[in-house]
Amino acid sequence: QPNIVLLMTDQQRAGFTAAEGGPDTMPRLDRLFADGARFPRA
């Protein structure tokens, strides 16, 4: 079984990272999930 890391922020509005078309606020997370599945209509 894989380890599981749940990264949860509080009150983070969608669209405010570079990967979501906004400012470059979370480059490390954007690089991490560039190899994953994003759900922009969550």
Full PDB file with SEQRES, HELIX, SHEET, SSBOND, CRYST1, ORIGX, SCALE, CONECT and MASTER records, all heavy atoms in Angstrom:
SEQRES   1 A   42  GLN PRO ASN ILE VAL LEU LEU MET THR ASP GLN GLN ARG          
SEQRES   2 A   42  ALA GLY PHE THR ALA ALA GLU GLY GLY PRO ASP THR MET          
SEQRES   3 A   42  PRO ARG LEU ASP ARG LEU PHE ALA ASP GLY ALA ARG PHE          
SEQRES   4 A   42  PRO ARG ALA                                                  
HELIX    1 AA1 ALA A   18  GLU A   20  5                                   3    
HELIX    2 AA2 PRO A   27  PHE A   33  1                                   7    
CRYST1    1.000    1.000    1.000  90.00  90.00  90.00 P 1           1          
ORIGX1      1.000000  0.000000  0.000000        0.00000                         
ORIGX2      0.000000  1.000000  0.000000        0.00000                         
ORIGX3      0.000000  0.000000  1.000000        0.00000                         
SCALE1      1.000000  0.000000  0.000000        0.00000                         
SCALE2      0.000000  1.000000  0.000000        0.00000                         
SCALE3      0.000000  0.000000  1.000000        0.00000                         
ATOM      1  N   GLN A   1       0.830  -1.199   0.000  1.00  0.00           N  
ATOM      2  CA  GLN A   1       0.000   0.000   0.000  1.00  0.00           C  
ATOM      3  C   GLN A   1       0.870   1.257   0.000  1.00  0.00           C  
ATOM      4  O   GLN A   1       1.900   1.317   0.676  1.00  0.00           O  
ATOM      5  CB  GLN A   1      -0.915   0.003   1.223  1.00  0.00           C  
ATOM      6  CG  GLN A   1      -1.979  -1.077   1.181  1.00  0.00           C  
ATOM      7  CD  GLN A   1      -2.692  -1.227   2.513  1.00  0.00           C  
ATOM      8  OE1 GLN A   1      -2.114  -0.974   3.567  1.00  0.00           O  
ATOM      9  NE2 GLN A   1      -3.938  -1.634   2.452  1.00  0.00           N  
ATOM     10  N   PRO A   2       0.446   2.274  -0.719  1.00  0.00           N  
ATOM     11  CA  PRO A   2       1.210   3.523  -0.705  1.00  0.00           C  
ATOM     12  C   PRO A   2       1.003   4.272   0.599  1.00  0.00           C  
ATOM     13  O   PRO A   2      -0.047   4.149   1.249  1.00  0.00           O  
ATOM     14  CB  PRO A   2       0.613   4.301  -1.875  1.00  0.00           C  
ATOM     15  CG  PRO A   2      -0.809   3.830  -1.937  1.00  0.00           C  
ATOM     16  CD  PRO A   2      -0.748   2.367  -1.578  1.00  0.00           C  
ATOM     17  N   ASN A   3       1.999   5.023   1.012  1.00  0.00           N  
ATOM     18  CA  ASN A   3       1.763   5.996   2.066  1.00  0.00           C  
ATOM     19  C   ASN A   3       0.791   7.045   1.531  1.00  0.00           C  
ATOM     20  O   ASN A   3       0.658   7.236   0.318  1.00  0.00           O  
ATOM     21  CB  ASN A   3       3.075   6.660   2.479  1.00  0.00           C  
ATOM     22  CG  ASN A   3       4.101   5.658   2.960  1.00  0.00           C  
ATOM     23  OD1 ASN A   3       3.816   4.804   3.789  1.00  0.00           O  
ATOM     24  ND2 ASN A   3       5.316   5.739   2.415  1.00  0.00           N  
ATOM     25  N   ILE A   4       0.114   7.741   2.420  1.00  0.00           N  
ATOM     26  CA  ILE A   4      -0.843   8.768   2.013  1.00  0.00           C  
ATOM     27  C   ILE A   4      -0.530  10.050   2.775  1.00  0.00           C  
ATOM     28  O   ILE A   4      -0.428  10.041   4.008  1.00  0.00           O  
ATOM     29  CB  ILE A   4      -2.291   8.342   2.294  1.00  0.00           C  
ATOM     30  CG1 ILE A   4      -2.626   7.038   1.552  1.00  0.00           C  
ATOM     31  CG2 ILE A   4      -3.267   9.446   1.877  1.00  0.00           C  
ATOM     32  CD1 ILE A   4      -4.007   6.485   1.870  1.00  0.00           C  
ATOM     33  N   VAL A   5      -0.369  11.146   2.046  1.00  0.00           N  
ATOM     34  CA  VAL A   5      -0.181  12.466   2.645  1.00  0.00           C  
ATOM     35  C   VAL A   5      -1.327  13.361   2.169  1.00  0.00           C  
ATOM     36  O   VAL A   5      -1.477  13.600   0.967  1.00  0.00           O  
ATOM     37  CB  VAL A   5       1.178  13.078   2.259  1.00  0.00           C  
ATOM     38  CG1 VAL A   5       1.278  14.514   2.779  1.00  0.00           C  
ATOM     39  CG2 VAL A   5       2.320  12.239   2.825  1.00  0.00           C  
ATOM     40  N   LEU A   6      -2.128  13.808   3.107  1.00  0.00           N  
ATOM     41  CA  LEU A   6      -3.237  14.714   2.822  1.00  0.00           C  
ATOM     42  C   LEU A   6      -2.795  16.133   3.177  1.00  0.00           C  
ATOM     43  O   LEU A   6      -2.543  16.438   4.351  1.00  0.00           O  
ATOM     44  CB  LEU A   6      -4.468  14.319   3.634  1.00  0.00           C  
ATOM     45  CG  LEU A   6      -5.681  15.250   3.564  1.00  0.00           C  
ATOM     46  CD1 LEU A   6      -6.159  15.450   2.132  1.00  0.00           C  
ATOM     47  CD2 LEU A   6      -6.814  14.707   4.439  1.00  0.00           C  
ATOM     48  N   LEU A   7      -2.657  16.959   2.169  1.00  0.00           N  
ATOM     49  CA  LEU A   7      -2.269  18.358   2.340  1.00  0.00           C  
ATOM     50  C   LEU A   7      -3.534  19.199   2.237  1.00  0.00           C  
ATOM     51  O   LEU A   7      -4.145  19.272   1.169  1.00  0.00           O  
ATOM     52  CB  LEU A   7      -1.263  18.771   1.265  1.00  0.00           C  
ATOM     53  CG  LEU A   7       0.018  17.937   1.194  1.00  0.00           C  
ATOM     54  CD1 LEU A   7       0.786  18.257  -0.083  1.00  0.00           C  
ATOM     55  CD2 LEU A   7       0.887  18.175   2.427  1.00  0.00           C  
ATOM     56  N   MET A   8      -3.926  19.821   3.341  1.00  0.00           N  
ATOM     57  CA  MET A   8      -5.191  20.547   3.368  1.00  0.00           C  
ATOM     58  C   MET A   8      -4.966  21.974   3.847  1.00  0.00           C  
ATOM     59  O   MET A   8      -4.352  22.209   4.885  1.00  0.00           O  
ATOM     60  CB  MET A   8      -6.190  19.856   4.281  1.00  0.00           C  
ATOM     61  CG  MET A   8      -7.588  20.457   4.222  1.00  0.00           C  
ATOM     62  SD  MET A   8      -8.785  19.468   5.136  1.00  0.00           S  
ATOM     63  CE  MET A   8     -10.317  20.192   4.545  1.00  0.00           C  
ATOM     64  N   THR A   9      -5.436  22.922   3.040  1.00  0.00           N  
ATOM     65  CA  THR A   9      -5.418  24.319   3.443  1.00  0.00           C  
ATOM     66  C   THR A   9      -6.818  24.716   3.878  1.00  0.00           C  
ATOM     67  O   THR A   9      -7.782  23.963   3.716  1.00  0.00           O  
ATOM     68  CB  THR A   9      -4.942  25.218   2.295  1.00  0.00           C  
ATOM     69  OG1 THR A   9      -5.751  24.953   1.139  1.00  0.00           O  
ATOM     70  CG2 THR A   9      -3.487  24.955   1.969  1.00  0.00           C  
ATOM     71  N   ASP A  10      -6.938  25.908   4.428  1.00  0.00           N  
ATOM     72  CA  ASP A  10      -8.227  26.385   4.934  1.00  0.00           C  
ATOM     73  C   ASP A  10      -8.594  27.687   4.226  1.00  0.00           C  
ATOM     74  O   ASP A  10      -7.850  28.667   4.288  1.00  0.00           O  
ATOM     75  CB  ASP A  10      -8.134  26.621   6.446  1.00  0.00           C  
ATOM     76  CG  ASP A  10      -9.486  26.833   7.098  1.00  0.00           C  
ATOM     77  OD1 ASP A  10     -10.440  27.242   6.399  1.00  0.00           O  
ATOM     78  OD2 ASP A  10      -9.601  26.597   8.311  1.00  0.00           O  
ATOM     79  N   GLN A  11      -9.716  27.669   3.539  1.00  0.00           N  
ATOM     80  CA  GLN A  11     -10.255  28.865   2.899  1.00  0.00           C  
ATOM     81  C   GLN A  11      -9.405  29.298   1.700  1.00  0.00           C  
ATOM     82  O   GLN A  11      -9.237  30.487   1.452  1.00  0.00           O  
ATOM     83  CB  GLN A  11     -10.399  30.000   3.917  1.00  0.00           C  
ATOM     84  CG  GLN A  11     -11.481  31.017   3.598  1.00  0.00           C  
ATOM     85  CD  GLN A  11     -11.888  31.837   4.813  1.00  0.00           C  
ATOM     86  OE1 GLN A  11     -12.507  31.332   5.737  1.00  0.00           O  
ATOM     87  NE2 GLN A  11     -11.564  33.117   4.831  1.00  0.00           N  
ATOM     88  N   GLN A  12      -8.880  28.327   0.962  1.00  0.00           N  
ATOM     89  CA  GLN A  12      -8.089  28.650  -0.220  1.00  0.00           C  
ATOM     90  C   GLN A  12      -8.979  28.692  -1.447  1.00  0.00           C  
ATOM     91  O   GLN A  12      -9.539  27.679  -1.868  1.00  0.00           O  
ATOM     92  CB  GLN A  12      -6.963  27.632  -0.441  1.00  0.00           C  
ATOM     93  CG  GLN A  12      -6.131  27.963  -1.685  1.00  0.00           C  
ATOM     94  CD  GLN A  12      -4.920  27.086  -1.840  1.00  0.00           C  
ATOM     95  OE1 GLN A  12      -4.491  26.411  -0.900  1.00  0.00           O  
ATOM     96  NE2 GLN A  12      -4.340  27.063  -3.029  1.00  0.00           N  
ATOM     97  N   ARG A  13      -9.057  29.843  -2.047  1.00  0.00           N  
ATOM     98  CA  ARG A  13      -9.913  30.010  -3.218  1.00  0.00           C  
ATOM     99  C   ARG A  13      -9.261  29.387  -4.452  1.00  0.00           C  
ATOM    100  O   ARG A  13      -8.053  29.524  -4.678  1.00  0.00           O  
ATOM    101  CB  ARG A  13     -10.159  31.495  -3.451  1.00  0.00           C  
ATOM    102  CG  ARG A  13     -11.014  31.798  -4.668  1.00  0.00           C  
ATOM    103  CD  ARG A  13     -11.558  33.178  -4.589  1.00  0.00           C  
ATOM    104  NE  ARG A  13     -12.035  33.665  -5.863  1.00  0.00           N  
ATOM    105  CZ  ARG A  13     -12.623  34.846  -6.037  1.00  0.00           C  
ATOM    106  NH1 ARG A  13     -12.785  35.655  -4.998  1.00  0.00           N  
ATOM    107  NH2 ARG A  13     -13.034  35.220  -7.226  1.00  0.00           N  
ATOM    108  N   ALA A  14     -10.056  28.709  -5.257  1.00  0.00           N  
ATOM    109  CA  ALA A  14      -9.563  28.133  -6.501  1.00  0.00           C  
ATOM    110  C   ALA A  14      -9.140  29.244  -7.458  1.00  0.00           C  
ATOM    111  O   ALA A  14      -9.704  30.338  -7.460  1.00  0.00           O  
ATOM    112  CB  ALA A  14     -10.645  27.272  -7.148  1.00  0.00           C  
ATOM    113  N   GLY A  15      -8.120  28.954  -8.269  1.00  0.00           N  
ATOM    114  CA  GLY A  15      -7.691  29.890  -9.288  1.00  0.00           C  
ATOM    115  C   GLY A  15      -6.580  30.822  -8.887  1.00  0.00           C  
ATOM    116  O   GLY A  15      -6.243  31.737  -9.650  1.00  0.00           O  
ATOM    117  N   PHE A  16      -5.956  30.618  -7.718  1.00  0.00           N  
ATOM    118  CA  PHE A  16      -4.935  31.540  -7.240  1.00  0.00           C  
ATOM    119  C   PHE A  16      -3.558  30.899  -7.159  1.00  0.00           C  
ATOM    120  O   PHE A  16      -2.739  31.276  -6.323  1.00  0.00           O  
ATOM    121  CB  PHE A  16      -5.358  32.171  -5.910  1.00  0.00           C  
ATOM    122  CG  PHE A  16      -6.296  33.338  -6.108  1.00  0.00           C  
ATOM    123  CD1 PHE A  16      -7.615  33.122  -6.456  1.00  0.00           C  
ATOM    124  CD2 PHE A  16      -5.843  34.635  -6.000  1.00  0.00           C  
ATOM    125  CE1 PHE A  16      -8.482  34.185  -6.675  1.00  0.00           C  
ATOM    126  CE2 PHE A  16      -6.700  35.712  -6.215  1.00  0.00           C  
ATOM    127  CZ  PHE A  16      -8.022  35.490  -6.557  1.00  0.00           C  
ATOM    128  N   THR A  17      -3.313  29.911  -8.028  1.00  0.00           N  
ATOM    129  CA  THR A  17      -1.969  29.388  -8.231  1.00  0.00           C  
ATOM    130  C   THR A  17      -1.680  29.424  -9.733  1.00  0.00           C  
ATOM    131  O   THR A  17      -2.598  29.516 -10.559  1.00  0.00           O  
ATOM    132  CB  THR A  17      -1.843  27.937  -7.733  1.00  0.00           C  
ATOM    133  OG1 THR A  17      -2.657  27.081  -8.552  1.00  0.00           O  
ATOM    134  CG2 THR A  17      -2.272  27.821  -6.274  1.00  0.00           C  
ATOM    135  N   ALA A  18      -0.414  29.345 -10.095  1.00  0.00           N  
ATOM    136  CA  ALA A  18      -0.044  29.417 -11.516  1.00  0.00           C  
ATOM    137  C   ALA A  18      -0.641  28.265 -12.304  1.00  0.00           C  
ATOM    138  O   ALA A  18      -1.076  28.438 -13.452  1.00  0.00           O  
ATOM    139  CB  ALA A  18       1.481  29.437 -11.652  1.00  0.00           C  
ATOM    140  N   ALA A  19      -0.684  27.067 -11.708  1.00  0.00           N  
ATOM    141  CA  ALA A  19      -1.253  25.920 -12.407  1.00  0.00           C  
ATOM    142  C   ALA A  19      -2.738  26.084 -12.671  1.00  0.00           C  
ATOM    143  O   ALA A  19      -3.287  25.419 -13.559  1.00  0.00           O  
ATOM    144  CB  ALA A  19      -1.007  24.643 -11.602  1.00  0.00           C  
ATOM    145  N   GLU A  20      -3.378  26.972 -11.918  1.00  0.00           N  
ATOM    146  CA  GLU A  20      -4.806  27.243 -12.096  1.00  0.00           C  
ATOM    147  C   GLU A  20      -5.047  28.529 -12.877  1.00  0.00           C  
ATOM    148  O   GLU A  20      -6.169  29.017 -12.951  1.00  0.00           O  
ATOM    149  CB  GLU A  20      -5.497  27.337 -10.734  1.00  0.00           C  
ATOM    150  CG  GLU A  20      -5.405  26.077  -9.898  1.00  0.00           C  
ATOM    151  CD  GLU A  20      -5.935  26.278  -8.484  1.00  0.00           C  
ATOM    152  OE1 GLU A  20      -5.677  27.346  -7.874  1.00  0.00           O  
ATOM    153  OE2 GLU A  20      -6.611  25.366  -7.990  1.00  0.00           O  
ATOM    154  N   GLY A  21      -3.982  29.093 -13.446  1.00  0.00           N  
ATOM    155  CA  GLY A  21      -4.123  30.303 -14.229  1.00  0.00           C  
ATOM    156  C   GLY A  21      -3.988  31.583 -13.445  1.00  0.00           C  
ATOM    157  O   GLY A  21      -4.271  32.674 -13.965  1.00  0.00           O  
ATOM    158  N   GLY A  22      -3.523  31.508 -12.201  1.00  0.00           N  
ATOM    159  CA  GLY A  22      -3.374  32.685 -11.352  1.00  0.00           C  
ATOM    160  C   GLY A  22      -1.921  33.016 -11.084  1.00  0.00           C  
ATOM    161  O   GLY A  22      -1.021  32.579 -11.816  1.00  0.00           O  
ATOM    162  N   PRO A  23      -1.650  33.776 -10.024  1.00  0.00           N  
ATOM    163  CA  PRO A  23      -0.270  34.148  -9.678  1.00  0.00           C  
ATOM    164  C   PRO A  23       0.557  32.923  -9.279  1.00  0.00           C  
ATOM    165  O   PRO A  23       0.013  31.891  -8.883  1.00  0.00           O  
ATOM    166  CB  PRO A  23      -0.456  35.117  -8.489  1.00  0.00           C  
ATOM    167  CG  PRO A  23      -1.887  35.513  -8.514  1.00  0.00           C  
ATOM    168  CD  PRO A  23      -2.636  34.377  -9.117  1.00  0.00           C  
ATOM    169  N   ASP A  24       1.867  33.066  -9.345  1.00  0.00           N  
ATOM    170  CA  ASP A  24       2.773  31.963  -9.030  1.00  0.00           C  
ATOM    171  C   ASP A  24       2.966  31.874  -7.522  1.00  0.00           C  
ATOM    172  O   ASP A  24       4.027  32.203  -6.980  1.00  0.00           O  
ATOM    173  CB  ASP A  24       4.111  32.169  -9.736  1.00  0.00           C  
ATOM    174  CG  ASP A  24       5.007  30.939  -9.636  1.00  0.00           C  
ATOM    175  OD1 ASP A  24       4.486  29.852  -9.328  1.00  0.00           O  
ATOM    176  OD2 ASP A  24       6.221  31.083  -9.861  1.00  0.00           O  
ATOM    177  N   THR A  25       1.952  31.395  -6.844  1.00  0.00           N  
ATOM    178  CA  THR A  25       1.953  31.362  -5.381  1.00  0.00           C  
ATOM    179  C   THR A  25       2.469  30.055  -4.797  1.00  0.00           C  
ATOM    180  O   THR A  25       3.041  30.037  -3.719  1.00  0.00           O  
ATOM    181  CB  THR A  25       0.529  31.592  -4.845  1.00  0.00           C  
ATOM    182  OG1 THR A  25      -0.354  30.644  -5.481  1.00  0.00           O  
ATOM    183  CG2 THR A  25       0.048  33.006  -5.133  1.00  0.00           C  
ATOM    184  N   MET A  26       2.272  28.935  -5.502  1.00  0.00           N  
ATOM    185  CA  MET A  26       2.600  27.630  -4.935  1.00  0.00           C  
ATOM    186  C   MET A  26       3.391  26.801  -5.951  1.00  0.00           C  
ATOM    187  O   MET A  26       2.929  25.752  -6.412  1.00  0.00           O  
ATOM    188  CB  MET A  26       1.316  26.907  -4.488  1.00  0.00           C  
ATOM    189  CG  MET A  26       0.449  27.736  -3.555  1.00  0.00           C  
ATOM    190  SD  MET A  26      -0.951  26.840  -2.830  1.00  0.00           S  
ATOM    191  CE  MET A  26      -0.181  26.194  -1.319  1.00  0.00           C  
ATOM    192  N   PRO A  27       4.604  27.236  -6.300  1.00  0.00           N  
ATOM    193  CA  PRO A  27       5.362  26.529  -7.345  1.00  0.00           C  
ATOM    194  C   PRO A  27       5.725  25.098  -6.973  1.00  0.00           C  
ATOM    195  O   PRO A  27       5.772  24.222  -7.841  1.00  0.00           O  
ATOM    196  CB  PRO A  27       6.605  27.402  -7.530  1.00  0.00           C  
ATOM    197  CG  PRO A  27       6.725  28.208  -6.265  1.00  0.00           C  
ATOM    198  CD  PRO A  27       5.316  28.435  -5.820  1.00  0.00           C  
ATOM    199  N   ARG A  28       6.005  24.839  -5.697  1.00  0.00           N  
ATOM    200  CA  ARG A  28       6.397  23.476  -5.318  1.00  0.00           C  
ATOM    201  C   ARG A  28       5.218  22.513  -5.454  1.00  0.00           C  
ATOM    202  O   ARG A  28       5.351  21.392  -5.960  1.00  0.00           O  
ATOM    203  CB  ARG A  28       6.934  23.489  -3.879  1.00  0.00           C  
ATOM    204  CG  ARG A  28       7.661  22.210  -3.477  1.00  0.00           C  
ATOM    205  CD  ARG A  28       8.960  22.026  -4.249  1.00  0.00           C  
ATOM    206  NE  ARG A  28       9.588  20.743  -3.974  1.00  0.00           N  
ATOM    207  CZ  ARG A  28      10.488  20.545  -3.009  1.00  0.00           C  
ATOM    208  NH1 ARG A  28      10.880  21.555  -2.244  1.00  0.00           N  
ATOM    209  NH2 ARG A  28      11.027  19.357  -2.828  1.00  0.00           N  
ATOM    210  N   LEU A  29       4.056  22.953  -5.008  1.00  0.00           N  
ATOM    211  CA  LEU A  29       2.871  22.117  -5.157  1.00  0.00           C  
ATOM    212  C   LEU A  29       2.497  21.955  -6.622  1.00  0.00           C  
ATOM    213  O   LEU A  29       2.074  20.877  -7.056  1.00  0.00           O  
ATOM    214  CB  LEU A  29       1.699  22.714  -4.375  1.00  0.00           C  
ATOM    215  CG  LEU A  29       1.619  22.325  -2.894  1.00  0.00           C  
ATOM    216  CD1 LEU A  29       0.600  23.176  -2.171  1.00  0.00           C  
ATOM    217  CD2 LEU A  29       1.285  20.858  -2.737  1.00  0.00           C  
ATOM    218  N   ASP A  30       2.642  23.019  -7.400  1.00  0.00           N  
ATOM    219  CA  ASP A  30       2.349  22.915  -8.827  1.00  0.00           C  
ATOM    220  C   ASP A  30       3.251  21.878  -9.497  1.00  0.00           C  
ATOM    221  O   ASP A  30       2.792  21.091 -10.346  1.00  0.00           O  
ATOM    222  CB  ASP A  30       2.528  24.281  -9.508  1.00  0.00           C  
ATOM    223  CG  ASP A  30       1.369  25.224  -9.229  1.00  0.00           C  
ATOM    224  OD1 ASP A  30       0.349  24.773  -8.669  1.00  0.00           O  
ATOM    225  OD2 ASP A  30       1.490  26.420  -9.576  1.00  0.00           O  
ATOM    226  N   ARG A  31       4.540  21.853  -9.127  1.00  0.00           N  
ATOM    227  CA  ARG A  31       5.453  20.867  -9.718  1.00  0.00           C  
ATOM    228  C   ARG A  31       5.088  19.449  -9.276  1.00  0.00           C  
ATOM    229  O   ARG A  31       5.136  18.501 -10.059  1.00  0.00           O  
ATOM    230  CB  ARG A  31       6.899  21.180  -9.332  1.00  0.00           C  
ATOM    231  CG  ARG A  31       7.459  22.413 -10.020  1.00  0.00           C  
ATOM    232  CD  ARG A  31       8.975  22.436  -9.949  1.00  0.00           C  
ATOM    233  NE  ARG A  31       9.478  22.456  -8.582  1.00  0.00           N  
ATOM    234  CZ  ARG A  31       9.683  23.576  -7.881  1.00  0.00           C  
ATOM    235  NH1 ARG A  31       9.394  24.758  -8.410  1.00  0.00           N  
ATOM    236  NH2 ARG A  31      10.168  23.518  -6.653  1.00  0.00           N  
ATOM    237  N   LEU A  32       4.714  19.311  -8.014  1.00  0.00           N  
ATOM    238  CA  LEU A  32       4.344  17.992  -7.492  1.00  0.00           C  
ATOM    239  C   LEU A  32       3.156  17.423  -8.258  1.00  0.00           C  
ATOM    240  O   LEU A  32       3.183  16.279  -8.718  1.00  0.00           O  
ATOM    241  CB  LEU A  32       4.020  18.091  -6.000  1.00  0.00           C  
ATOM    242  CG  LEU A  32       3.520  16.806  -5.329  1.00  0.00           C  
ATOM    243  CD1 LEU A  32       4.632  15.767  -5.268  1.00  0.00           C  
ATOM    244  CD2 LEU A  32       3.001  17.108  -3.919  1.00  0.00           C  
ATOM    245  N   PHE A  33       2.123  18.238  -8.428  1.00  0.00           N  
ATOM    246  CA  PHE A  33       0.893  17.731  -9.036  1.00  0.00           C  
ATOM    247  C   PHE A  33       0.889  17.853 -10.556  1.00  0.00           C  
ATOM    248  O   PHE A  33      -0.084  17.452 -11.198  1.00  0.00           O  
ATOM    249  CB  PHE A  33      -0.313  18.410  -8.405  1.00  0.00           C  
ATOM    250  CG  PHE A  33      -0.553  17.958  -6.991  1.00  0.00           C  
ATOM    251  CD1 PHE A  33      -0.164  18.746  -5.915  1.00  0.00           C  
ATOM    252  CD2 PHE A  33      -1.100  16.718  -6.737  1.00  0.00           C  
ATOM    253  CE1 PHE A  33      -0.346  18.322  -4.621  1.00  0.00           C  
ATOM    254  CE2 PHE A  33      -1.294  16.272  -5.438  1.00  0.00           C  
ATOM    255  CZ  PHE A  33      -0.915  17.065  -4.372  1.00  0.00           C  
ATOM    256  N   ALA A  34       1.973  18.363 -11.139  1.00  0.00           N  
ATOM    257  CA  ALA A  34       2.115  18.280 -12.588  1.00  0.00           C  
ATOM    258  C   ALA A  34       2.184  16.826 -13.026  1.00  0.00           C  
ATOM    259  O   ALA A  34       1.856  16.497 -14.173  1.00  0.00           O  
ATOM    260  CB  ALA A  34       3.364  19.030 -13.040  1.00  0.00           C  
ATOM    261  N   ASP A  35       2.595  15.939 -12.123  1.00  0.00           N  
ATOM    262  CA  ASP A  35       2.644  14.506 -12.398  1.00  0.00           C  
ATOM    263  C   ASP A  35       1.411  13.789 -11.874  1.00  0.00           C  
ATOM    264  O   ASP A  35       1.420  12.567 -11.716  1.00  0.00           O  
ATOM    265  CB  ASP A  35       3.896  13.889 -11.764  1.00  0.00           C  
ATOM    266  CG  ASP A  35       5.175  14.340 -12.442  1.00  0.00           C  
ATOM    267  OD1 ASP A  35       5.116  14.618 -13.665  1.00  0.00           O  
ATOM    268  OD2 ASP A  35       6.201  14.444 -11.763  1.00  0.00           O  
ATOM    269  N   GLY A  36       0.353  14.540 -11.591  1.00  0.00           N  
ATOM    270  CA  GLY A  36      -0.851  13.940 -11.047  1.00  0.00           C  
ATOM    271  C   GLY A  36      -2.099  14.361 -11.805  1.00  0.00           C  
ATOM    272  O   GLY A  36      -2.035  14.862 -12.925  1.00  0.00           O  
ATOM    273  N   ALA A  37      -3.228  14.161 -11.179  1.00  0.00           N  
ATOM    274  CA  ALA A  37      -4.527  14.493 -11.769  1.00  0.00           C  
ATOM    275  C   ALA A  37      -5.099  15.711 -11.063  1.00  0.00           C  
ATOM    276  O   ALA A  37      -5.239  15.715  -9.829  1.00  0.00           O  
ATOM    277  CB  ALA A  37      -5.483  13.308 -11.642  1.00  0.00           C  
ATOM    278  N   ARG A  38      -5.422  16.733 -11.828  1.00  0.00           N  
ATOM    279  CA  ARG A  38      -6.041  17.942 -11.299  1.00  0.00           C  
ATOM    280  C   ARG A  38      -7.508  17.976 -11.705  1.00  0.00           C  
ATOM    281  O   ARG A  38      -7.877  17.557 -12.802  1.00  0.00           O  
ATOM    282  CB  ARG A  38      -5.343  19.193 -11.813  1.00  0.00           C  
ATOM    283  CG  ARG A  38      -4.002  19.474 -11.153  1.00  0.00           C  
ATOM    284  CD  ARG A  38      -3.458  20.832 -11.586  1.00  0.00           C  
ATOM    285  NE  ARG A  38      -2.257  21.184 -10.860  1.00  0.00           N  
ATOM    286  CZ  ARG A  38      -2.239  21.828  -9.686  1.00  0.00           C  
ATOM    287  NH1 ARG A  38      -3.379  22.162  -9.123  1.00  0.00           N  
ATOM    288  NH2 ARG A  38      -1.102  22.119  -9.094  1.00  0.00           N  
ATOM    289  N   PHE A  39      -8.322  18.536 -10.807  1.00  0.00           N  
ATOM    290  CA  PHE A  39      -9.760  18.630 -11.041  1.00  0.00           C  
ATOM    291  C   PHE A  39     -10.177  20.096 -10.892  1.00  0.00           C  
ATOM    292  O   PHE A  39     -10.590  20.535  -9.819  1.00  0.00           O  
ATOM    293  CB  PHE A  39     -10.514  17.748 -10.053  1.00  0.00           C  
ATOM    294  CG  PHE A  39     -10.282  16.279 -10.266  1.00  0.00           C  
ATOM    295  CD1 PHE A  39      -9.214  15.642  -9.644  1.00  0.00           C  
ATOM    296  CD2 PHE A  39     -11.108  15.535 -11.096  1.00  0.00           C  
ATOM    297  CE1 PHE A  39      -8.986  14.284  -9.842  1.00  0.00           C  
ATOM    298  CE2 PHE A  39     -10.889  14.177 -11.298  1.00  0.00           C  
ATOM    299  CZ  PHE A  39      -9.817  13.549 -10.675  1.00  0.00           C  
ATOM    300  N   PRO A  40     -10.068  20.872 -11.975  1.00  0.00           N  
ATOM    301  CA  PRO A  40     -10.376  22.303 -11.874  1.00  0.00           C  
ATOM    302  C   PRO A  40     -11.845  22.619 -11.640  1.00  0.00           C  
ATOM    303  O   PRO A  40     -12.182  23.760 -11.337  1.00  0.00           O  
ATOM    304  CB  PRO A  40      -9.900  22.861 -13.221  1.00  0.00           C  
ATOM    305  CG  PRO A  40      -9.854  21.691 -14.140  1.00  0.00           C  
ATOM    306  CD  PRO A  40      -9.526  20.511 -13.289  1.00  0.00           C  
ATOM    307  N   ARG A  41     -12.726  21.613 -11.763  1.00  0.00           N  
ATOM    308  CA  ARG A  41     -14.144  21.844 -11.492  1.00  0.00           C  
ATOM    309  C   ARG A  41     -14.573  21.076 -10.239  1.00  0.00           C  
ATOM    310  O   ARG A  41     -15.618  20.426 -10.193  1.00  0.00           O  
ATOM    311  CB  ARG A  41     -15.005  21.460 -12.688  1.00  0.00           C  
ATOM    312  CG  ARG A  41     -14.674  22.234 -13.956  1.00  0.00           C  
ATOM    313  CD  ARG A  41     -15.841  22.260 -14.906  1.00  0.00           C  
ATOM    314  NE  ARG A  41     -16.912  23.140 -14.442  1.00  0.00           N  
ATOM    315  CZ  ARG A  41     -18.144  23.168 -14.947  1.00  0.00           C  
ATOM    316  NH1 ARG A  41     -18.466  22.345 -15.931  1.00  0.00           N  
ATOM    317  NH2 ARG A  41     -19.054  24.000 -14.477  1.00  0.00           N  
ATOM    318  N   ALA A  42     -13.753  21.179  -9.202  1.00  0.00           N  
ATOM    319  CA  ALA A  42     -14.066  20.553  -7.919  1.00  0.00           C  
ATOM    320  C   ALA A  42     -14.825  21.544  -7.045  1.00  0.00           C  
ATOM    321  O   ALA A  42     -14.562  22.746  -7.059  1.00  0.00           O  
ATOM    322  CB  ALA A  42     -12.792  20.101  -7.218  1.00  0.00           C  
TER     323      ALA A  42                                                      
MASTER        0    0    0    2    0    0    0    6  322    1    0    4          
END                                                                             
